[in-house]
Amino acid sequence: MSPFRSHMQIALDEAAAAATRGEVPVGAVLVTPSGKVVARAGNRTRELSDPTAHAEILVIREGCRLIGSERLGGHALYVTLEPCPMCAAAIAASRIARLYYAASDPKSGGVAHGPRVFSHPQCHHAPEIYDGLREIEAAALLRSFFAGRR
């Protein structure tokens, strides 16, 4: 087994790019079991006029397209913000093995807050969850983005 290598910096780069496009700065990266980056994205809800175009959904769609399957068993997902309930449900449906997220989201999160999707009896799959990875940087990016809009 190879040593752990975080891919959160890539997700943070995607979040920063999303902010420059006027999107909420959330980034995600999907990684194979061997550590190869499969897909990376930042939020594009405004750009695509699509409320489902969250970073997590975009990388899940691309990862599934590339491997030709609706399942991403063994893959890891790095996200700069705790996934919302919609994204948590997509993570469960795609069978992602490990979820790493940076900042928690008490207002809109769906993993440790709100509906806690992976704890729900109807959830068919729950990934291993690792939170707080690069939390300070991710939270600062979000605070800066929203401070400029208030």
N, C-alpha and C. Protein backbone atom coordinates (compact mmCIF):
# COMPACT_ATOMS: atom_id res chain seq x y z
N MET A 1 0.84 -1.18 0.00
CA MET A 1 0.00 0.00 0.00
C MET A 1 0.89 1.25 0.00
N SER A 2 0.56 2.19 -0.88
CA SER A 2 1.36 3.41 -0.97
C SER A 2 0.98 4.39 0.14
N PRO A 3 1.90 5.27 0.52
CA PRO A 3 1.61 6.23 1.58
C PRO A 3 0.54 7.24 1.13
N PHE A 4 -0.15 7.80 2.10
CA PHE A 4 -1.20 8.77 1.81
C PHE A 4 -0.61 10.02 1.17
N ARG A 5 -1.26 10.47 0.12
CA ARG A 5 -0.88 11.72 -0.54
C ARG A 5 -2.16 12.52 -0.73
N SER A 6 -2.23 13.68 -0.12
CA SER A 6 -3.41 14.52 -0.24
C SER A 6 -3.47 15.19 -1.61
N HIS A 7 -4.66 15.30 -2.14
CA HIS A 7 -4.92 16.02 -3.39
C HIS A 7 -5.76 17.28 -3.12
N MET A 8 -5.81 17.69 -1.85
CA MET A 8 -6.64 18.84 -1.50
C MET A 8 -6.16 20.13 -2.15
N GLN A 9 -4.85 20.26 -2.42
CA GLN A 9 -4.38 21.49 -3.06
C GLN A 9 -5.02 21.67 -4.44
N ILE A 10 -5.22 20.59 -5.15
CA ILE A 10 -5.88 20.67 -6.45
C ILE A 10 -7.31 21.17 -6.27
N ALA A 11 -8.01 20.65 -5.28
CA ALA A 11 -9.37 21.11 -5.00
C ALA A 11 -9.38 22.59 -4.62
N LEU A 12 -8.41 23.01 -3.82
CA LEU A 12 -8.32 24.43 -3.45
C LEU A 12 -8.05 25.30 -4.68
N ASP A 13 -7.22 24.83 -5.60
CA ASP A 13 -6.98 25.57 -6.84
C ASP A 13 -8.26 25.69 -7.66
N GLU A 14 -9.04 24.64 -7.72
CA GLU A 14 -10.31 24.68 -8.44
C GLU A 14 -11.29 25.63 -7.76
N ALA A 15 -11.29 25.66 -6.44
CA ALA A 15 -12.17 26.58 -5.71
C ALA A 15 -11.78 28.02 -5.99
N ALA A 16 -10.50 28.31 -6.00
CA ALA A 16 -10.03 29.67 -6.30
C ALA A 16 -10.42 30.07 -7.71
N ALA A 17 -10.31 29.15 -8.66
CA ALA A 17 -10.71 29.43 -10.04
C ALA A 17 -12.21 29.69 -10.13
N ALA A 18 -13.00 28.95 -9.36
CA ALA A 18 -14.44 29.17 -9.34
C ALA A 18 -14.75 30.57 -8.84
N ALA A 19 -14.05 31.00 -7.80
CA ALA A 19 -14.27 32.35 -7.26
C ALA A 19 -13.99 33.42 -8.30
N THR A 20 -12.96 33.24 -9.11
CA THR A 20 -12.65 34.23 -10.14
C THR A 20 -13.73 34.27 -11.21
N ARG A 21 -14.51 33.20 -11.36
CA ARG A 21 -15.62 33.17 -12.30
C ARG A 21 -16.91 33.68 -11.67
N GLY A 22 -16.84 34.08 -10.38
CA GLY A 22 -18.03 34.55 -9.68
C GLY A 22 -18.87 33.45 -9.09
N GLU A 23 -18.32 32.25 -9.06
CA GLU A 23 -19.02 31.10 -8.47
C GLU A 23 -18.62 30.96 -7.00
N VAL A 24 -19.48 30.35 -6.20
CA VAL A 24 -19.11 30.04 -4.83
C VAL A 24 -17.86 29.16 -4.89
N PRO A 25 -16.81 29.55 -4.16
CA PRO A 25 -15.52 28.85 -4.30
C PRO A 25 -15.45 27.48 -3.63
N VAL A 26 -15.96 26.51 -4.35
CA VAL A 26 -15.87 25.12 -3.92
C VAL A 26 -15.20 24.36 -5.05
N GLY A 27 -14.21 23.55 -4.70
CA GLY A 27 -13.51 22.74 -5.68
C GLY A 27 -13.50 21.29 -5.26
N ALA A 28 -13.38 20.41 -6.26
CA ALA A 28 -13.36 18.97 -5.99
C ALA A 28 -12.40 18.29 -6.95
N VAL A 29 -11.86 17.17 -6.50
CA VAL A 29 -11.00 16.35 -7.35
C VAL A 29 -11.29 14.88 -7.04
N LEU A 30 -11.40 14.09 -8.10
CA LEU A 30 -11.66 12.66 -7.99
C LEU A 30 -10.37 11.92 -8.32
N VAL A 31 -10.02 10.94 -7.46
CA VAL A 31 -8.74 10.25 -7.56
C VAL A 31 -8.96 8.74 -7.57
N THR A 32 -8.23 8.04 -8.45
CA THR A 32 -8.33 6.58 -8.53
C THR A 32 -7.71 5.95 -7.27
N PRO A 33 -7.96 4.65 -7.07
CA PRO A 33 -7.32 3.97 -5.94
C PRO A 33 -5.79 4.05 -5.96
N SER A 34 -5.20 4.16 -7.15
CA SER A 34 -3.74 4.26 -7.25
C SER A 34 -3.23 5.69 -7.10
N GLY A 35 -4.13 6.64 -6.95
CA GLY A 35 -3.72 8.03 -6.73
C GLY A 35 -3.70 8.91 -7.95
N LYS A 36 -4.20 8.43 -9.08
CA LYS A 36 -4.23 9.24 -10.31
C LYS A 36 -5.46 10.13 -10.31
N VAL A 37 -5.26 11.41 -10.65
CA VAL A 37 -6.38 12.34 -10.75
C VAL A 37 -7.20 11.99 -12.00
N VAL A 38 -8.50 11.77 -11.78
CA VAL A 38 -9.41 11.42 -12.86
C VAL A 38 -10.13 12.67 -13.36
N ALA A 39 -10.61 13.48 -12.44
CA ALA A 39 -11.38 14.67 -12.80
C ALA A 39 -11.21 15.73 -11.72
N ARG A 40 -11.31 16.98 -12.14
CA ARG A 40 -11.23 18.10 -11.22
C ARG A 40 -12.18 19.18 -11.71
N ALA A 41 -12.79 19.89 -10.76
CA ALA A 41 -13.75 20.92 -11.15
C ALA A 41 -14.01 21.86 -9.98
N GLY A 42 -14.50 23.03 -10.33
CA GLY A 42 -15.02 23.97 -9.36
C GLY A 42 -16.49 24.17 -9.66
N ASN A 43 -17.20 24.79 -8.75
CA ASN A 43 -18.62 25.06 -8.98
C ASN A 43 -18.82 25.79 -10.30
N ARG A 44 -19.91 25.46 -10.99
CA ARG A 44 -20.27 26.12 -12.26
C ARG A 44 -21.78 26.32 -12.36
N THR A 45 -22.45 26.50 -11.23
CA THR A 45 -23.90 26.63 -11.24
C THR A 45 -24.37 27.85 -12.03
N ARG A 46 -23.71 28.98 -11.84
CA ARG A 46 -24.10 30.20 -12.56
C ARG A 46 -23.70 30.13 -14.03
N GLU A 47 -22.49 29.72 -14.27
CA GLU A 47 -21.97 29.63 -15.64
C GLU A 47 -22.84 28.73 -16.52
N LEU A 48 -23.27 27.59 -15.97
CA LEU A 48 -24.05 26.62 -16.73
C LEU A 48 -25.56 26.77 -16.52
N SER A 49 -25.97 27.73 -15.69
CA SER A 49 -27.39 27.89 -15.33
C SER A 49 -27.97 26.55 -14.90
N ASP A 50 -27.25 25.89 -14.02
CA ASP A 50 -27.61 24.54 -13.59
C ASP A 50 -27.40 24.43 -12.08
N PRO A 51 -28.46 24.34 -11.31
CA PRO A 51 -28.31 24.26 -9.85
C PRO A 51 -27.62 22.99 -9.38
N THR A 52 -27.49 21.99 -10.24
CA THR A 52 -26.80 20.76 -9.86
C THR A 52 -25.32 20.78 -10.22
N ALA A 53 -24.83 21.84 -10.81
CA ALA A 53 -23.43 21.89 -11.27
C ALA A 53 -22.47 22.23 -10.13
N HIS A 54 -22.62 21.53 -9.02
CA HIS A 54 -21.67 21.65 -7.91
C HIS A 54 -20.40 20.92 -8.31
N ALA A 55 -19.28 21.31 -7.72
CA ALA A 55 -17.99 20.71 -8.05
C ALA A 55 -18.02 19.19 -7.91
N GLU A 56 -18.62 18.69 -6.85
CA GLU A 56 -18.67 17.25 -6.61
C GLU A 56 -19.43 16.53 -7.73
N ILE A 57 -20.58 17.07 -8.11
CA ILE A 57 -21.40 16.45 -9.15
C ILE A 57 -20.63 16.44 -10.47
N LEU A 58 -19.96 17.55 -10.78
CA LEU A 58 -19.21 17.63 -12.03
C LEU A 58 -18.10 16.58 -12.11
N VAL A 59 -17.36 16.38 -11.01
CA VAL A 59 -16.28 15.37 -11.07
C VAL A 59 -16.83 13.95 -11.05
N ILE A 60 -17.94 13.74 -10.37
CA ILE A 60 -18.56 12.41 -10.39
C ILE A 60 -19.03 12.09 -11.81
N ARG A 61 -19.70 13.04 -12.46
CA ARG A 61 -20.17 12.82 -13.83
C ARG A 61 -19.00 12.49 -14.76
N GLU A 62 -17.94 13.29 -14.66
CA GLU A 62 -16.79 13.09 -15.54
C GLU A 62 -16.09 11.77 -15.24
N GLY A 63 -15.93 11.45 -13.97
CA GLY A 63 -15.30 10.18 -13.60
C GLY A 63 -16.08 8.99 -14.12
N CYS A 64 -17.39 9.01 -13.95
CA CYS A 64 -18.23 7.92 -14.44
C CYS A 64 -18.15 7.82 -15.97
N ARG A 65 -18.16 8.96 -16.63
CA ARG A 65 -18.07 8.97 -18.09
C ARG A 65 -16.75 8.34 -18.56
N LEU A 66 -15.67 8.74 -17.90
CA LEU A 66 -14.35 8.25 -18.31
C LEU A 66 -14.15 6.76 -18.08
N ILE A 67 -14.70 6.24 -16.98
CA ILE A 67 -14.52 4.80 -16.74
C ILE A 67 -15.66 3.96 -17.30
N GLY A 68 -16.71 4.62 -17.77
CA GLY A 68 -17.82 3.89 -18.38
C GLY A 68 -18.66 3.12 -17.40
N SER A 69 -18.84 3.68 -16.22
CA SER A 69 -19.63 3.02 -15.18
C SER A 69 -20.26 4.07 -14.28
N GLU A 70 -21.40 3.72 -13.70
CA GLU A 70 -22.04 4.62 -12.74
C GLU A 70 -21.46 4.45 -11.33
N ARG A 71 -20.51 3.56 -11.17
CA ARG A 71 -19.91 3.28 -9.87
C ARG A 71 -18.43 3.67 -9.87
N LEU A 72 -18.01 4.27 -8.79
CA LEU A 72 -16.62 4.72 -8.63
C LEU A 72 -15.98 4.05 -7.43
N GLY A 73 -16.23 2.77 -7.26
CA GLY A 73 -15.68 2.03 -6.14
C GLY A 73 -14.17 2.17 -6.05
N GLY A 74 -13.67 2.38 -4.87
CA GLY A 74 -12.24 2.53 -4.64
C GLY A 74 -11.73 3.94 -4.82
N HIS A 75 -12.49 4.81 -5.47
CA HIS A 75 -12.05 6.18 -5.72
C HIS A 75 -12.19 7.04 -4.46
N ALA A 76 -11.41 8.11 -4.44
CA ALA A 76 -11.46 9.09 -3.35
C ALA A 76 -11.91 10.42 -3.94
N LEU A 77 -12.64 11.18 -3.14
CA LEU A 77 -13.11 12.50 -3.54
C LEU A 77 -12.61 13.51 -2.52
N TYR A 78 -11.94 14.54 -3.01
CA TYR A 78 -11.47 15.65 -2.18
C TYR A 78 -12.33 16.86 -2.50
N VAL A 79 -12.88 17.49 -1.47
CA VAL A 79 -13.75 18.65 -1.66
C VAL A 79 -13.38 19.71 -0.63
N THR A 80 -13.45 20.97 -1.03
CA THR A 80 -13.05 22.06 -0.13
C THR A 80 -14.11 22.41 0.90
N LEU A 81 -15.34 21.95 0.70
CA LEU A 81 -16.43 22.25 1.63
C LEU A 81 -17.25 20.99 1.84
N GLU A 82 -17.74 20.81 3.06
CA GLU A 82 -18.61 19.68 3.36
C GLU A 82 -19.71 19.58 2.31
N PRO A 83 -19.87 18.44 1.67
CA PRO A 83 -20.90 18.30 0.64
C PRO A 83 -22.31 18.55 1.17
N CYS A 84 -23.12 19.18 0.31
CA CYS A 84 -24.53 19.40 0.62
C CYS A 84 -25.27 18.06 0.53
N PRO A 85 -26.53 18.01 0.92
CA PRO A 85 -27.27 16.75 0.84
C PRO A 85 -27.34 16.16 -0.58
N MET A 86 -27.51 17.01 -1.59
CA MET A 86 -27.56 16.51 -2.97
C MET A 86 -26.25 15.83 -3.34
N CYS A 87 -25.14 16.48 -3.03
CA CYS A 87 -23.83 15.92 -3.38
C CYS A 87 -23.52 14.68 -2.55
N ALA A 88 -23.91 14.69 -1.28
CA ALA A 88 -23.69 13.51 -0.44
C ALA A 88 -24.46 12.31 -0.99
N ALA A 89 -25.68 12.55 -1.46
CA ALA A 89 -26.46 11.45 -2.05
C ALA A 89 -25.78 10.93 -3.32
N ALA A 90 -25.22 11.83 -4.14
CA ALA A 90 -24.51 11.41 -5.35
C ALA A 90 -23.24 10.63 -5.00
N ILE A 91 -22.57 11.03 -3.94
CA ILE A 91 -21.37 10.32 -3.48
C ILE A 91 -21.75 8.89 -3.07
N ALA A 92 -22.85 8.77 -2.34
CA ALA A 92 -23.32 7.45 -1.92
C ALA A 92 -23.72 6.61 -3.13
N ALA A 93 -24.47 7.20 -4.05
CA ALA A 93 -24.95 6.46 -5.23
C ALA A 93 -23.81 5.98 -6.11
N SER A 94 -22.73 6.77 -6.18
CA SER A 94 -21.59 6.40 -7.02
C SER A 94 -20.61 5.48 -6.31
N ARG A 95 -20.86 5.22 -5.05
CA ARG A 95 -20.04 4.28 -4.27
C ARG A 95 -18.60 4.72 -4.08
N ILE A 96 -18.38 6.03 -3.98
CA ILE A 96 -17.03 6.54 -3.71
C ILE A 96 -16.56 5.97 -2.38
N ALA A 97 -15.32 5.54 -2.32
CA ALA A 97 -14.79 4.85 -1.13
C ALA A 97 -14.41 5.80 0.01
N ARG A 98 -13.78 6.93 -0.35
CA ARG A 98 -13.30 7.85 0.68
C ARG A 98 -13.64 9.28 0.31
N LEU A 99 -14.12 10.03 1.29
CA LEU A 99 -14.43 11.44 1.13
C LEU A 99 -13.55 12.24 2.07
N TYR A 100 -12.80 13.18 1.49
CA TYR A 100 -11.98 14.10 2.27
C TYR A 100 -12.56 15.50 2.03
N TYR A 101 -12.92 16.19 3.10
CA TYR A 101 -13.37 17.56 2.90
C TYR A 101 -12.69 18.49 3.87
N ALA A 102 -12.58 19.74 3.46
CA ALA A 102 -11.84 20.74 4.22
C ALA A 102 -12.74 21.40 5.27
N ALA A 103 -13.48 22.40 4.87
CA ALA A 103 -14.30 23.18 5.80
C ALA A 103 -15.65 22.51 6.03
N SER A 104 -16.13 22.60 7.26
CA SER A 104 -17.47 22.11 7.55
C SER A 104 -18.48 23.18 7.12
N ASP A 105 -19.73 22.76 6.96
CA ASP A 105 -20.77 23.67 6.52
C ASP A 105 -22.02 23.50 7.37
N PRO A 106 -22.05 24.15 8.55
CA PRO A 106 -23.20 24.00 9.44
C PRO A 106 -24.52 24.45 8.83
N LYS A 107 -24.47 25.38 7.88
CA LYS A 107 -25.70 25.90 7.27
C LYS A 107 -26.27 24.97 6.21
N SER A 108 -25.43 24.45 5.33
CA SER A 108 -25.93 23.68 4.18
C SER A 108 -25.31 22.30 4.02
N GLY A 109 -24.49 21.88 4.94
CA GLY A 109 -23.84 20.58 4.83
C GLY A 109 -24.81 19.43 4.95
N GLY A 110 -24.42 18.29 4.38
CA GLY A 110 -25.26 17.11 4.44
C GLY A 110 -24.54 15.89 4.96
N VAL A 111 -23.31 16.08 5.48
CA VAL A 111 -22.52 14.95 5.97
C VAL A 111 -22.48 14.95 7.49
N ALA A 112 -21.89 15.99 8.08
CA ALA A 112 -21.81 16.09 9.54
C ALA A 112 -22.91 16.99 10.09
N HIS A 113 -23.56 17.73 9.21
CA HIS A 113 -24.63 18.65 9.61
C HIS A 113 -25.91 18.32 8.83
N GLY A 114 -26.98 19.02 9.17
CA GLY A 114 -28.23 18.83 8.44
C GLY A 114 -28.70 17.39 8.46
N PRO A 115 -29.04 16.86 7.29
CA PRO A 115 -29.62 15.52 7.26
C PRO A 115 -28.65 14.37 7.49
N ARG A 116 -27.36 14.64 7.49
CA ARG A 116 -26.36 13.57 7.71
C ARG A 116 -26.69 12.35 6.82
N VAL A 117 -26.62 12.58 5.54
CA VAL A 117 -27.06 11.61 4.53
C VAL A 117 -26.49 10.22 4.74
N PHE A 118 -25.21 10.11 5.07
CA PHE A 118 -24.59 8.79 5.17
C PHE A 118 -25.07 8.01 6.39
N SER A 119 -25.68 8.68 7.35
CA SER A 119 -26.21 8.01 8.54
C SER A 119 -27.67 7.59 8.37
N HIS A 120 -28.29 8.02 7.29
CA HIS A 120 -29.70 7.76 7.06
C HIS A 120 -29.93 6.28 6.73
N PRO A 121 -31.00 5.69 7.26
CA PRO A 121 -31.26 4.27 7.00
C PRO A 121 -31.40 3.91 5.51
N GLN A 122 -31.85 4.86 4.68
CA GLN A 122 -32.00 4.58 3.25
C GLN A 122 -30.70 4.73 2.46
N CYS A 123 -29.64 5.14 3.10
CA CYS A 123 -28.36 5.30 2.42
C CYS A 123 -27.74 3.91 2.19
N HIS A 124 -27.50 3.58 0.92
CA HIS A 124 -27.00 2.25 0.59
C HIS A 124 -25.48 2.12 0.69
N HIS A 125 -24.79 3.24 0.74
CA HIS A 125 -23.33 3.21 0.82
C HIS A 125 -22.84 4.45 1.54
N ALA A 126 -21.93 4.27 2.45
CA ALA A 126 -21.30 5.41 3.14
C ALA A 126 -19.79 5.30 2.96
N PRO A 127 -19.18 6.37 2.47
CA PRO A 127 -17.72 6.35 2.31
C PRO A 127 -17.03 6.53 3.66
N GLU A 128 -15.75 6.23 3.67
CA GLU A 128 -14.94 6.65 4.82
C GLU A 128 -14.87 8.17 4.72
N ILE A 129 -14.96 8.84 5.86
CA ILE A 129 -14.99 10.31 5.85
C ILE A 129 -13.82 10.86 6.66
N TYR A 130 -13.12 11.81 6.05
CA TYR A 130 -12.01 12.49 6.70
C TYR A 130 -12.25 13.99 6.53
N ASP A 131 -12.48 14.68 7.63
CA ASP A 131 -12.80 16.10 7.53
C ASP A 131 -11.68 16.96 8.11
N GLY A 132 -11.73 18.24 7.80
CA GLY A 132 -10.78 19.20 8.36
C GLY A 132 -9.46 19.29 7.62
N LEU A 133 -9.31 18.60 6.50
CA LEU A 133 -8.06 18.62 5.74
C LEU A 133 -7.92 19.96 5.01
N ARG A 134 -6.98 20.80 5.44
CA ARG A 134 -6.76 22.14 4.87
C ARG A 134 -7.95 23.07 5.13
N GLU A 135 -8.61 22.86 6.25
CA GLU A 135 -9.81 23.61 6.60
C GLU A 135 -9.58 25.11 6.67
N ILE A 136 -8.48 25.53 7.22
CA ILE A 136 -8.22 26.96 7.39
C ILE A 136 -8.17 27.67 6.04
N GLU A 137 -7.47 27.09 5.07
CA GLU A 137 -7.37 27.71 3.75
C GLU A 137 -8.73 27.74 3.04
N ALA A 138 -9.46 26.66 3.11
CA ALA A 138 -10.76 26.59 2.44
C ALA A 138 -11.74 27.58 3.06
N ALA A 139 -11.77 27.65 4.38
CA ALA A 139 -12.68 28.57 5.06
C ALA A 139 -12.32 30.02 4.75
N ALA A 140 -11.03 30.31 4.68
CA ALA A 140 -10.59 31.68 4.36
C ALA A 140 -11.03 32.08 2.95
N LEU A 141 -10.94 31.16 2.02
CA LEU A 141 -11.36 31.43 0.65
C LEU A 141 -12.86 31.73 0.60
N LEU A 142 -13.64 30.96 1.32
CA LEU A 142 -15.09 31.20 1.37
C LEU A 142 -15.42 32.53 2.04
N ARG A 143 -14.77 32.81 3.18
CA ARG A 143 -15.02 34.08 3.88
C ARG A 143 -14.69 35.27 3.00
N SER A 144 -13.56 35.20 2.33
CA SER A 144 -13.14 36.29 1.45
C SER A 144 -14.15 36.51 0.31
N PHE A 145 -14.60 35.43 -0.27
CA PHE A 145 -15.56 35.51 -1.37
C PHE A 145 -16.85 36.17 -0.91
N PHE A 146 -17.40 35.72 0.21
CA PHE A 146 -18.68 36.27 0.67
C PHE A 146 -18.54 37.66 1.27
N ALA A 147 -17.40 37.99 1.84
CA ALA A 147 -17.18 39.35 2.37
C ALA A 147 -17.25 40.38 1.26
N GLY A 148 -16.79 40.02 0.10
CA GLY A 148 -16.84 40.93 -1.05
C GLY A 148 -18.22 41.11 -1.63
N ARG A 149 -19.16 40.33 -1.18
CA ARG A 149 -20.54 40.41 -1.70
C ARG A 149 -21.53 40.97 -0.70
N ARG A 150 -21.07 41.30 0.48
CA ARG A 150 -22.00 41.80 1.52
C ARG A 150 -21.91 43.29 1.65
